[in-house]
Amino acid sequence: MSENNKTKWIHVRLSKEDYHTIHKKFEHSMHRKLSDYVRRVLLQKPVVIVSRNVSLDDFMAEMITLRKELSALGNNFNQLVKQLHILGTDPAVLEWLPATEKAQQILLEKTQQIKDKIAKINDQWLQ
């Protein structure tokens, strides 16, 4: 019989608290099956644990949001510029100039927000 065949059973009764404790630890491991995780713990074999950097996760979530906002602003700005090119010397171009300036200001503000967030995270990591 092959050593990989698992034919023997061990039945263990746990309290709810113990089960939840083991299950939480299992969820943070790299194992896909609870039985694999428990087997490794019982046999005192190494268990690989996933660790997350919460501050980096938060930072990335904020950067993703800002990136989406910048992308939308960039698209709007491109549409304004295309409209200005289509209008050429038409007097309606003068109506588009304030909108273009407003979009540019918003774009600059969002860019500054990104720079501020990066500086803040950088300061936190250097402490």
Protein backbone atom coordinates (compact mmCIF):
# COMPACT_ATOMS: atom_id res chain seq x y z
CA MET A 1 0.00 0.00 0.00
CA SER A 2 1.35 3.45 -0.94
CA GLU A 3 2.32 5.95 1.76
CA ASN A 4 0.13 8.57 0.05
CA ASN A 5 -3.05 6.58 0.68
CA LYS A 6 -4.68 7.94 3.76
CA THR A 7 -6.77 5.12 5.16
CA LYS A 8 -6.73 5.79 8.91
CA TRP A 9 -9.08 8.17 10.68
CA ILE A 10 -8.71 10.23 13.84
CA HIS A 11 -11.90 11.71 15.21
CA VAL A 12 -11.54 14.75 17.43
CA ARG A 13 -14.29 16.65 19.18
CA LEU A 14 -13.79 20.39 19.64
CA SER A 15 -15.62 23.20 21.33
CA LYS A 16 -16.97 25.95 19.09
CA GLU A 17 -14.21 28.27 20.29
CA ASP A 18 -11.46 25.74 19.55
CA TYR A 19 -12.92 25.00 16.13
CA HIS A 20 -13.10 28.71 15.26
CA THR A 21 -9.53 29.24 16.48
CA ILE A 22 -8.23 26.40 14.32
CA HIS A 23 -10.33 27.50 11.36
CA LYS A 24 -9.05 31.11 11.58
CA LYS A 25 -5.47 29.87 11.59
CA PHE A 26 -6.27 27.59 8.66
CA GLU A 27 -7.73 30.52 6.69
CA HIS A 28 -4.44 32.38 7.07
CA SER A 29 -2.44 29.41 5.84
CA MET A 30 -1.56 28.50 2.27
CA HIS A 31 -3.41 25.18 2.55
CA ARG A 32 -6.58 24.63 0.56
CA LYS A 33 -8.02 21.88 2.74
CA LEU A 34 -8.53 21.96 6.48
CA SER A 35 -7.47 18.31 6.71
CA ASP A 36 -4.09 19.12 5.11
CA TYR A 37 -3.56 22.00 7.52
CA VAL A 38 -4.53 19.96 10.64
CA ARG A 39 -2.40 17.01 9.50
CA ARG A 40 0.67 19.24 9.18
CA VAL A 41 0.06 20.80 12.60
CA LEU A 42 -0.40 17.40 14.27
CA LEU A 43 2.74 16.05 12.62
CA GLN A 44 4.65 19.20 13.58
CA LYS A 45 5.50 19.99 9.99
CA PRO A 46 5.98 23.59 8.82
CA VAL A 47 2.82 25.50 7.97
CA VAL A 48 3.12 28.44 5.58
CA ILE A 49 1.09 31.41 6.79
CA VAL A 50 -0.08 34.25 4.56
CA SER A 51 0.65 37.63 6.03
CA ARG A 52 -0.91 40.83 4.74
CA ASN A 53 0.33 44.34 5.14
CA VAL A 54 -2.89 46.14 6.07
CA SER A 55 -1.45 49.64 5.63
CA LEU A 56 -0.22 48.72 2.16
CA ASP A 57 -3.61 47.20 1.31
CA ASP A 58 -5.34 50.40 2.44
CA PHE A 59 -2.88 52.48 0.44
CA MET A 60 -3.46 50.38 -2.67
CA ALA A 61 -7.24 50.68 -2.32
CA GLU A 62 -6.93 54.49 -2.14
CA MET A 63 -4.55 54.56 -5.10
CA ILE A 64 -6.92 52.43 -7.19
CA THR A 65 -9.78 54.83 -6.44
CA LEU A 66 -7.65 57.85 -7.30
CA ARG A 67 -6.41 56.16 -10.48
CA LYS A 68 -10.01 55.57 -11.62
CA GLU A 69 -10.89 59.20 -10.89
CA LEU A 70 -7.82 60.41 -12.79
CA SER A 71 -8.68 58.17 -15.72
CA ALA A 72 -12.22 59.59 -15.86
CA LEU A 73 -10.86 63.14 -15.63
CA GLY A 74 -8.34 62.39 -18.36
CA ASN A 75 -11.09 61.07 -20.63
CA ASN A 76 -13.21 64.16 -19.99
CA PHE A 77 -10.24 66.40 -20.67
CA ASN A 78 -9.50 64.59 -23.94
CA GLN A 79 -13.10 65.03 -25.03
CA LEU A 80 -12.88 68.75 -24.31
CA VAL A 81 -9.67 69.09 -26.31
CA LYS A 82 -11.16 67.15 -29.25
CA GLN A 83 -14.20 69.42 -29.17
CA LEU A 84 -11.94 72.49 -29.23
CA HIS A 85 -10.10 71.09 -32.27
CA ILE A 86 -13.37 70.40 -34.07
CA LEU A 87 -14.63 73.92 -33.40
CA GLY A 88 -11.39 75.54 -34.57
CA THR A 89 -11.82 79.30 -34.79
CA ASP A 90 -15.56 79.15 -34.18
CA PRO A 91 -16.73 81.61 -31.47
CA ALA A 92 -18.11 78.59 -29.57
CA VAL A 93 -14.48 77.76 -28.72
CA LEU A 94 -14.58 80.60 -26.23
CA GLU A 95 -17.41 78.81 -24.42
CA TRP A 96 -15.28 75.68 -24.00
CA LEU A 97 -12.28 77.45 -22.51
CA PRO A 98 -13.70 77.82 -18.97
CA ALA A 99 -14.68 74.12 -18.92
CA THR A 100 -11.19 73.18 -20.05
CA GLU A 101 -9.62 75.30 -17.34
CA LYS A 102 -11.91 73.73 -14.70
CA ALA A 103 -11.02 70.18 -15.84
CA GLN A 104 -7.34 71.08 -15.74
CA GLN A 105 -7.71 72.42 -12.17
CA ILE A 106 -9.50 69.24 -11.01
CA LEU A 107 -6.82 67.11 -12.66
CA LEU A 108 -4.08 69.07 -10.88
CA GLU A 109 -5.89 68.71 -7.53
CA LYS A 110 -6.23 64.93 -7.90
CA THR A 111 -2.58 64.66 -8.89
CA GLN A 112 -1.66 66.59 -5.73
CA GLN A 113 -3.82 64.24 -3.65
CA ILE A 114 -1.87 61.29 -5.03
CA LYS A 115 1.44 62.97 -4.22
CA ASP A 116 0.22 63.73 -0.67
CA LYS A 117 -0.91 60.12 -0.11
CA ILE A 118 2.40 58.76 -1.37
CA ALA A 119 4.30 61.13 0.91
CA LYS A 120 2.12 60.12 3.89
CA ILE A 121 2.69 56.39 3.31
CA ASN A 122 6.38 57.01 2.77
CA ASP A 123 6.62 58.87 6.09
CA GLN A 124 4.81 56.02 7.88
CA TRP A 125 7.20 53.42 6.48
CA LEU A 126 10.28 55.43 7.41
CA GLN A 127 9.30 55.72 11.09
